Amino acid sequence: LREIAKLRGETIHLGLTPGRNQLVALTEDTALSSRMIEGQYPDVTRIIPAQDATRVDLNDPGELRRAAEVVRVLMANEQGTPMHLRIDGPNVTVSTAKSETGEAEVNVTGYGHSGPPVTTAVNVGYLLELLPTLPQQFTLGVNGSASPVVFS
């Protein structure tokens, strides 16, 4: 769908072929085809935790996005440099450190929280893609440093 949004042209015609699990988008000079890949998909109920040991309620995804952008600039899109989220009470600290360029730390304050302090690593690219889709008020939850971060 992201690629369809990039198509230029006054009219985009969409077609579905349910028997082949295929979507086709056509403009005057472009044809784009996408097909669902057959296979066993992971059981998301086993991957995504039903409850979070630590939660923080935040008011503005834009504030967290700005903090992540500061960290991303320091990371200079370098692969393998983690971005850390530390939840301690209603405070979320977004940070990273690189020996070549130094370290960055930006604090975001929430309005509610539960659970013990926890630090986890996240992919800054995925986070920056997610944040514009969140509502004005949202919750960030995590069970531990090696568990998935859940936004709701």
N, C-alpha and C. Protein backbone atom coordinates (compact mmCIF):
# COMPACT_ATOMS: atom_id res chain seq x y z
N LEU A 1 0.81 -1.20 0.00
CA LEU A 1 0.00 0.00 0.00
C LEU A 1 0.85 1.26 0.00
N ARG A 2 2.01 1.17 0.64
CA ARG A 2 2.92 2.31 0.66
C ARG A 2 3.39 2.63 -0.75
N GLU A 3 3.66 1.60 -1.55
CA GLU A 3 4.10 1.80 -2.93
C GLU A 3 2.97 2.36 -3.80
N ILE A 4 1.75 1.93 -3.57
CA ILE A 4 0.61 2.46 -4.33
C ILE A 4 0.47 3.96 -4.07
N ALA A 5 0.70 4.38 -2.83
CA ALA A 5 0.60 5.79 -2.50
C ALA A 5 1.63 6.63 -3.26
N LYS A 6 2.73 6.02 -3.70
CA LYS A 6 3.77 6.74 -4.43
C LYS A 6 3.47 6.89 -5.92
N LEU A 7 2.47 6.15 -6.41
CA LEU A 7 2.16 6.20 -7.85
C LEU A 7 1.68 7.59 -8.25
N ARG A 8 2.11 8.03 -9.40
CA ARG A 8 1.70 9.33 -9.94
C ARG A 8 0.63 9.08 -10.99
N GLY A 9 -0.25 10.01 -11.13
CA GLY A 9 -1.31 9.88 -12.13
C GLY A 9 -2.61 10.37 -11.51
N GLU A 10 -3.50 10.78 -12.37
CA GLU A 10 -4.76 11.31 -11.86
C GLU A 10 -5.66 10.22 -11.33
N THR A 11 -5.62 9.05 -11.94
CA THR A 11 -6.50 7.98 -11.54
C THR A 11 -5.69 6.72 -11.29
N ILE A 12 -5.98 6.07 -10.18
CA ILE A 12 -5.38 4.77 -9.88
C ILE A 12 -6.51 3.76 -9.84
N HIS A 13 -6.44 2.76 -10.70
CA HIS A 13 -7.42 1.68 -10.73
C HIS A 13 -6.88 0.52 -9.92
N LEU A 14 -7.68 0.01 -8.98
CA LEU A 14 -7.28 -1.12 -8.17
C LEU A 14 -8.09 -2.34 -8.55
N GLY A 15 -7.44 -3.47 -8.59
CA GLY A 15 -8.12 -4.72 -8.88
C GLY A 15 -7.65 -5.82 -7.95
N LEU A 16 -8.57 -6.67 -7.52
CA LEU A 16 -8.24 -7.80 -6.67
C LEU A 16 -8.53 -9.09 -7.40
N THR A 17 -7.65 -10.05 -7.24
CA THR A 17 -7.89 -11.39 -7.78
C THR A 17 -7.86 -12.35 -6.59
N PRO A 18 -9.01 -12.53 -5.93
CA PRO A 18 -9.05 -13.31 -4.69
C PRO A 18 -8.51 -14.73 -4.84
N GLY A 19 -8.77 -15.39 -5.95
CA GLY A 19 -8.29 -16.75 -6.12
C GLY A 19 -6.78 -16.84 -6.14
N ARG A 20 -6.11 -15.77 -6.55
CA ARG A 20 -4.64 -15.75 -6.63
C ARG A 20 -4.03 -14.88 -5.53
N ASN A 21 -4.87 -14.34 -4.63
CA ASN A 21 -4.39 -13.47 -3.55
C ASN A 21 -3.52 -12.34 -4.08
N GLN A 22 -4.02 -11.65 -5.10
CA GLN A 22 -3.22 -10.64 -5.78
C GLN A 22 -3.97 -9.31 -5.81
N LEU A 23 -3.21 -8.22 -5.68
CA LEU A 23 -3.71 -6.86 -5.80
C LEU A 23 -2.96 -6.20 -6.95
N VAL A 24 -3.69 -5.53 -7.85
CA VAL A 24 -3.07 -4.84 -8.98
C VAL A 24 -3.51 -3.38 -8.94
N ALA A 25 -2.55 -2.46 -9.09
CA ALA A 25 -2.83 -1.03 -9.17
C ALA A 25 -2.32 -0.53 -10.52
N LEU A 26 -3.18 0.18 -11.24
CA LEU A 26 -2.82 0.67 -12.58
C LEU A 26 -3.02 2.17 -12.67
N THR A 27 -2.04 2.85 -13.29
CA THR A 27 -2.20 4.24 -13.69
C THR A 27 -1.98 4.27 -15.19
N GLU A 28 -1.93 5.47 -15.77
CA GLU A 28 -1.73 5.58 -17.21
C GLU A 28 -0.45 4.92 -17.68
N ASP A 29 0.63 5.04 -16.87
CA ASP A 29 1.92 4.52 -17.33
C ASP A 29 2.59 3.53 -16.38
N THR A 30 1.87 3.06 -15.35
CA THR A 30 2.47 2.17 -14.38
C THR A 30 1.51 1.06 -13.99
N ALA A 31 2.06 -0.13 -13.83
CA ALA A 31 1.31 -1.25 -13.29
C ALA A 31 2.08 -1.80 -12.09
N LEU A 32 1.40 -1.95 -10.97
CA LEU A 32 2.01 -2.47 -9.76
C LEU A 32 1.21 -3.67 -9.30
N SER A 33 1.90 -4.76 -9.05
CA SER A 33 1.23 -5.99 -8.63
C SER A 33 1.83 -6.46 -7.32
N SER A 34 0.97 -6.93 -6.41
CA SER A 34 1.42 -7.46 -5.14
C SER A 34 0.63 -8.72 -4.84
N ARG A 35 1.32 -9.73 -4.31
CA ARG A 35 0.66 -11.00 -4.04
C ARG A 35 0.99 -11.44 -2.63
N MET A 36 -0.02 -11.98 -1.91
CA MET A 36 0.19 -12.51 -0.59
C MET A 36 0.96 -13.82 -0.71
N ILE A 37 2.02 -13.93 0.05
CA ILE A 37 2.85 -15.12 0.01
C ILE A 37 2.21 -16.20 0.87
N GLU A 38 2.08 -17.37 0.29
CA GLU A 38 1.51 -18.51 1.02
C GLU A 38 2.52 -19.01 2.04
N GLY A 39 2.02 -19.50 3.14
CA GLY A 39 2.93 -20.06 4.12
C GLY A 39 2.37 -19.97 5.51
N GLN A 40 3.11 -20.49 6.44
CA GLN A 40 2.72 -20.48 7.85
C GLN A 40 3.20 -19.18 8.48
N TYR A 41 2.26 -18.36 8.93
CA TYR A 41 2.62 -17.11 9.59
C TYR A 41 2.73 -17.36 11.09
N PRO A 42 3.54 -16.58 11.78
CA PRO A 42 3.70 -16.80 13.23
C PRO A 42 2.39 -16.56 13.97
N ASP A 43 2.22 -17.27 15.06
CA ASP A 43 1.07 -17.08 15.94
C ASP A 43 1.33 -15.83 16.79
N VAL A 44 0.70 -14.72 16.41
CA VAL A 44 0.98 -13.44 17.09
C VAL A 44 0.56 -13.47 18.55
N THR A 45 -0.38 -14.33 18.91
CA THR A 45 -0.78 -14.40 20.32
C THR A 45 0.35 -14.95 21.18
N ARG A 46 1.29 -15.68 20.60
CA ARG A 46 2.44 -16.19 21.34
C ARG A 46 3.60 -15.20 21.33
N ILE A 47 3.60 -14.27 20.37
CA ILE A 47 4.71 -13.31 20.25
C ILE A 47 4.42 -12.04 21.03
N ILE A 48 3.21 -11.52 20.89
CA ILE A 48 2.84 -10.25 21.53
C ILE A 48 2.24 -10.54 22.90
N PRO A 49 2.83 -10.01 23.96
CA PRO A 49 2.33 -10.30 25.30
C PRO A 49 0.92 -9.74 25.52
N ALA A 50 0.11 -10.49 26.26
CA ALA A 50 -1.26 -10.05 26.57
C ALA A 50 -1.26 -8.97 27.64
N GLN A 51 -0.28 -8.99 28.55
CA GLN A 51 -0.18 -8.00 29.60
C GLN A 51 1.25 -7.50 29.68
N ASP A 52 1.40 -6.30 30.21
CA ASP A 52 2.72 -5.69 30.33
C ASP A 52 3.08 -5.51 31.80
N ALA A 53 4.30 -5.87 32.17
CA ALA A 53 4.75 -5.68 33.55
C ALA A 53 4.98 -4.19 33.84
N THR A 54 5.46 -3.46 32.83
CA THR A 54 5.71 -2.03 32.98
C THR A 54 4.97 -1.30 31.87
N ARG A 55 4.23 -0.25 32.25
CA ARG A 55 3.46 0.54 31.29
C ARG A 55 3.64 2.03 31.60
N VAL A 56 3.63 2.83 30.55
CA VAL A 56 3.62 4.27 30.73
C VAL A 56 2.63 4.85 29.73
N ASP A 57 1.80 5.78 30.20
CA ASP A 57 0.82 6.46 29.36
C ASP A 57 1.41 7.77 28.88
N LEU A 58 1.36 7.99 27.57
CA LEU A 58 1.95 9.20 26.98
C LEU A 58 0.89 10.00 26.25
N ASN A 59 1.07 11.32 26.21
CA ASN A 59 0.10 12.22 25.60
C ASN A 59 0.36 12.55 24.15
N ASP A 60 1.61 12.53 23.71
CA ASP A 60 1.91 13.07 22.39
C ASP A 60 2.92 12.20 21.65
N PRO A 61 2.49 11.44 20.63
CA PRO A 61 3.46 10.66 19.88
C PRO A 61 4.51 11.54 19.20
N GLY A 62 4.18 12.80 18.92
CA GLY A 62 5.13 13.72 18.31
C GLY A 62 6.31 14.00 19.21
N GLU A 63 6.09 14.03 20.51
CA GLU A 63 7.18 14.27 21.46
C GLU A 63 8.16 13.10 21.45
N LEU A 64 7.63 11.88 21.45
CA LEU A 64 8.49 10.70 21.38
C LEU A 64 9.19 10.62 20.02
N ARG A 65 8.50 11.05 18.95
CA ARG A 65 9.10 11.05 17.61
C ARG A 65 10.28 12.02 17.57
N ARG A 66 10.11 13.21 18.13
CA ARG A 66 11.22 14.19 18.14
C ARG A 66 12.43 13.64 18.91
N ALA A 67 12.17 12.96 20.02
CA ALA A 67 13.26 12.36 20.79
C ALA A 67 13.96 11.28 19.97
N ALA A 68 13.19 10.45 19.28
CA ALA A 68 13.78 9.39 18.45
C ALA A 68 14.57 9.98 17.28
N GLU A 69 14.10 11.11 16.72
CA GLU A 69 14.81 11.77 15.61
C GLU A 69 16.18 12.27 16.06
N VAL A 70 16.25 12.83 17.27
CA VAL A 70 17.53 13.31 17.79
C VAL A 70 18.50 12.14 17.89
N VAL A 71 18.04 11.03 18.41
CA VAL A 71 18.89 9.84 18.56
C VAL A 71 19.28 9.30 17.18
N ARG A 72 18.33 9.28 16.24
CA ARG A 72 18.62 8.75 14.90
C ARG A 72 19.70 9.58 14.21
N VAL A 73 19.67 10.90 14.38
CA VAL A 73 20.70 11.75 13.77
C VAL A 73 22.07 11.38 14.32
N LEU A 74 22.16 11.15 15.62
CA LEU A 74 23.44 10.76 16.20
C LEU A 74 23.88 9.39 15.68
N MET A 75 22.92 8.49 15.48
CA MET A 75 23.24 7.15 14.99
C MET A 75 23.68 7.19 13.54
N ALA A 76 23.32 8.24 12.81
CA ALA A 76 23.68 8.42 11.40
C ALA A 76 23.32 7.17 10.58
N ASN A 77 22.15 6.63 10.87
CA ASN A 77 21.63 5.45 10.15
C ASN A 77 22.59 4.26 10.19
N GLU A 78 23.45 4.20 11.17
CA GLU A 78 24.40 3.09 11.28
C GLU A 78 23.67 1.84 11.78
N GLN A 79 23.85 0.76 11.06
CA GLN A 79 23.25 -0.51 11.45
C GLN A 79 23.92 -1.03 12.71
N GLY A 80 23.15 -1.65 13.57
CA GLY A 80 23.71 -2.29 14.74
C GLY A 80 23.82 -1.41 15.97
N THR A 81 23.58 -0.12 15.85
CA THR A 81 23.60 0.75 17.02
C THR A 81 22.19 0.80 17.59
N PRO A 82 21.98 0.26 18.78
CA PRO A 82 20.61 0.23 19.31
C PRO A 82 20.17 1.57 19.88
N MET A 83 18.88 1.79 19.81
CA MET A 83 18.26 2.91 20.51
C MET A 83 17.59 2.32 21.73
N HIS A 84 17.81 2.90 22.87
CA HIS A 84 17.27 2.38 24.12
C HIS A 84 16.09 3.21 24.60
N LEU A 85 15.09 2.52 25.14
CA LEU A 85 13.98 3.16 25.83
C LEU A 85 14.07 2.73 27.29
N ARG A 86 14.18 3.69 28.17
CA ARG A 86 14.16 3.38 29.61
C ARG A 86 12.90 3.97 30.19
N ILE A 87 12.08 3.10 30.77
CA ILE A 87 10.85 3.54 31.43
C ILE A 87 11.11 3.50 32.92
N ASP A 88 10.98 4.65 33.56
CA ASP A 88 11.18 4.75 35.00
C ASP A 88 10.09 5.67 35.54
N GLY A 89 9.05 5.08 36.07
CA GLY A 89 7.89 5.87 36.48
C GLY A 89 7.23 6.44 35.24
N PRO A 90 6.79 7.69 35.30
CA PRO A 90 6.15 8.28 34.12
C PRO A 90 7.15 8.82 33.09
N ASN A 91 8.45 8.59 33.32
CA ASN A 91 9.48 9.12 32.43
C ASN A 91 9.98 8.06 31.47
N VAL A 92 10.13 8.45 30.21
CA VAL A 92 10.72 7.59 29.19
C VAL A 92 11.98 8.31 28.71
N THR A 93 13.12 7.64 28.81
CA THR A 93 14.38 8.20 28.34
C THR A 93 14.75 7.47 27.05
N VAL A 94 14.94 8.23 25.99
CA VAL A 94 15.35 7.70 24.69
C VAL A 94 16.83 8.01 24.56
N SER A 95 17.66 6.96 24.30
CA SER A 95 19.10 7.22 24.28
C SER A 95 19.83 6.27 23.35
N THR A 96 21.06 6.66 23.02
CA THR A 96 22.00 5.81 22.29
C THR A 96 23.40 6.33 22.56
N ALA A 97 24.39 5.50 22.27
CA ALA A 97 25.79 5.93 22.43
C ALA A 97 26.62 5.29 21.34
N LYS A 98 27.48 6.10 20.70
CA LYS A 98 28.43 5.62 19.70
C LYS A 98 29.79 6.18 20.04
N SER A 99 30.81 5.35 19.95
CA SER A 99 32.15 5.80 20.31
C SER A 99 32.63 6.93 19.40
N GLU A 100 32.20 6.94 18.12
CA GLU A 100 32.68 7.95 17.17
C GLU A 100 32.01 9.31 17.35
N THR A 101 30.73 9.31 17.71
CA THR A 101 30.00 10.58 17.73
C THR A 101 29.47 10.98 19.09
N GLY A 102 29.58 10.10 20.07
CA GLY A 102 29.12 10.45 21.41
C GLY A 102 27.79 9.82 21.75
N GLU A 103 27.10 10.45 22.68
CA GLU A 103 25.84 9.88 23.14
C GLU A 103 24.75 10.94 23.14
N ALA A 104 23.51 10.45 23.08
CA ALA A 104 22.35 11.34 23.13
C ALA A 104 21.35 10.75 24.11
N GLU A 105 20.67 11.63 24.81
CA GLU A 105 19.65 11.20 25.75
C GLU A 105 18.57 12.26 25.78
N VAL A 106 17.33 11.86 25.50
CA VAL A 106 16.20 12.78 25.48
C VAL A 106 15.11 12.20 26.37
N ASN A 107 14.54 13.03 27.23
CA ASN A 107 13.49 12.58 28.15
C ASN A 107 12.11 13.00 27.67
N VAL A 108 11.16 12.09 27.83
CA VAL A 108 9.75 12.34 27.53
C VAL A 108 8.99 11.97 28.79
N THR A 109 8.07 12.83 29.23
CA THR A 109 7.32 12.57 30.45
C THR A 109 5.89 12.17 30.13
N GLY A 110 5.46 11.07 30.71
CA GLY A 110 4.09 10.60 30.55
C GLY A 110 3.21 11.13 31.67
N TYR A 111 1.96 10.66 31.70
CA TYR A 111 1.04 11.13 32.73
C TYR A 111 0.57 10.00 33.64
N GLY A 112 0.96 8.78 33.36
CA GLY A 112 0.58 7.66 34.21
C GLY A 112 1.54 6.52 33.97
N HIS A 113 1.68 5.64 34.96
CA HIS A 113 2.60 4.52 34.80
C HIS A 113 2.27 3.42 35.80
N SER A 114 2.81 2.25 35.55
CA SER A 114 2.74 1.14 36.51
C SER A 114 3.91 0.22 36.23
N GLY A 115 4.38 -0.45 37.27
CA GLY A 115 5.44 -1.43 37.10
C GLY A 115 6.82 -0.90 37.43
N PRO A 116 7.78 -1.84 37.47
CA PRO A 116 9.16 -1.47 37.81
C PRO A 116 9.88 -0.83 36.63
N PRO A 117 10.99 -0.13 36.91
CA PRO A 117 11.79 0.44 35.82
C PRO A 117 12.32 -0.66 34.91
N VAL A 118 12.43 -0.35 33.62
CA VAL A 118 12.94 -1.31 32.65
C VAL A 118 13.59 -0.56 31.50
N THR A 119 14.64 -1.16 30.93
CA THR A 119 15.29 -0.61 29.74
C THR A 119 15.25 -1.67 28.66
N THR A 120 14.90 -1.27 27.44
CA THR A 120 14.86 -2.19 26.31
C THR A 120 15.40 -1.49 25.08
N ALA A 121 15.82 -2.25 24.10
CA ALA A 121 16.34 -1.70 22.85
C ALA A 121 15.27 -1.82 21.77
N VAL A 122 15.19 -0.82 20.90
CA VAL A 122 14.23 -0.83 19.80
C VAL A 122 14.92 -0.40 18.51
N ASN A 123 14.31 -0.75 17.39
CA ASN A 123 14.79 -0.32 16.08
C ASN A 123 14.21 1.07 15.82
N VAL A 124 15.07 2.08 15.71
CA VAL A 124 14.62 3.45 15.55
C VAL A 124 13.81 3.64 14.26
N GLY A 125 14.17 2.92 13.20
CA GLY A 125 13.43 3.04 11.94
C GLY A 125 11.99 2.57 12.08
N TYR A 126 11.79 1.43 12.73
CA TYR A 126 10.45 0.91 12.94
C TYR A 126 9.64 1.84 13.84
N LEU A 127 10.30 2.36 14.88
CA LEU A 127 9.62 3.26 15.80
C LEU A 127 9.15 4.52 15.08
N LEU A 128 10.02 5.09 14.24
CA LEU A 128 9.65 6.32 13.52
C LEU A 128 8.54 6.07 12.50
N GLU A 129 8.43 4.85 11.96
CA GLU A 129 7.31 4.53 11.08
C GLU A 129 6.01 4.40 11.85
N LEU A 130 6.09 3.87 13.06
CA LEU A 130 4.89 3.63 13.86
C LEU A 130 4.30 4.91 14.45
N LEU A 131 5.12 5.79 14.96
CA LEU A 131 4.64 6.93 15.74
C LEU A 131 3.60 7.81 15.04
N PRO A 132 3.71 8.10 13.74
CA PRO A 132 2.67 8.93 13.12
C PRO A 132 1.29 8.26 13.07
N THR A 133 1.24 6.96 13.27
CA THR A 133 -0.05 6.25 13.20
C THR A 133 -0.76 6.17 14.55
N LEU A 134 -0.09 6.59 15.63
CA LEU A 134 -0.67 6.47 16.96
C LEU A 134 -1.63 7.61 17.26
N PRO A 135 -2.63 7.34 18.12
CA PRO A 135 -3.53 8.41 18.55
C PRO A 135 -2.80 9.37 19.49
N GLN A 136 -3.45 10.48 19.82
CA GLN A 136 -2.84 11.50 20.68
C GLN A 136 -2.43 10.92 22.03
N GLN A 137 -3.24 10.05 22.62
CA GLN A 137 -2.90 9.40 23.87
C GLN A 137 -2.67 7.92 23.60
N PHE A 138 -1.57 7.38 24.09
CA PHE A 138 -1.26 5.98 23.85
C PHE A 138 -0.45 5.44 25.02
N THR A 139 -0.32 4.12 25.05
CA THR A 139 0.41 3.44 26.12
C THR A 139 1.55 2.66 25.53
N LEU A 140 2.70 2.73 26.19
CA LEU A 140 3.88 1.95 25.83
C LEU A 140 4.05 0.92 26.93
N GLY A 141 4.11 -0.36 26.55
CA GLY A 141 4.24 -1.42 27.55
C GLY A 141 5.34 -2.39 27.19
N VAL A 142 5.97 -2.96 28.23
CA VAL A 142 7.05 -3.93 28.02
C VAL A 142 7.13 -4.83 29.25
N ASN A 143 7.54 -6.08 29.03
CA ASN A 143 7.69 -7.04 30.13
C ASN A 143 9.12 -7.16 30.62
N GLY A 144 10.08 -6.79 29.81
CA GLY A 144 11.48 -6.90 30.21
C GLY A 144 12.38 -6.46 29.07
N SER A 145 13.68 -6.48 29.30
CA SER A 145 14.61 -5.96 28.32
C SER A 145 14.65 -6.77 27.03
N ALA A 146 14.26 -8.02 27.07
CA ALA A 146 14.31 -8.85 25.85
C ALA A 146 12.92 -9.15 25.29
N SER A 147 11.89 -8.48 25.78
CA SER A 147 10.54 -8.75 25.30
C SER A 147 10.09 -7.66 24.34
N PRO A 148 9.06 -7.93 23.53
CA PRO A 148 8.58 -6.92 22.59
C PRO A 148 8.01 -5.70 23.31
N VAL A 149 8.15 -4.55 22.67
CA VAL A 149 7.54 -3.32 23.16
C VAL A 149 6.18 -3.23 22.48
N VAL A 150 5.13 -2.99 23.27
CA VAL A 150 3.77 -2.94 22.75
C VAL A 150 3.23 -1.52 22.88
N PHE A 151 2.75 -0.98 21.78
CA PHE A 151 2.12 0.34 21.78
C PHE A 151 0.62 0.12 21.62
N SER A 152 -0.18 0.71 22.49
CA SER A 152 -1.63 0.57 22.38
C SER A 152 -2.31 1.88 22.69
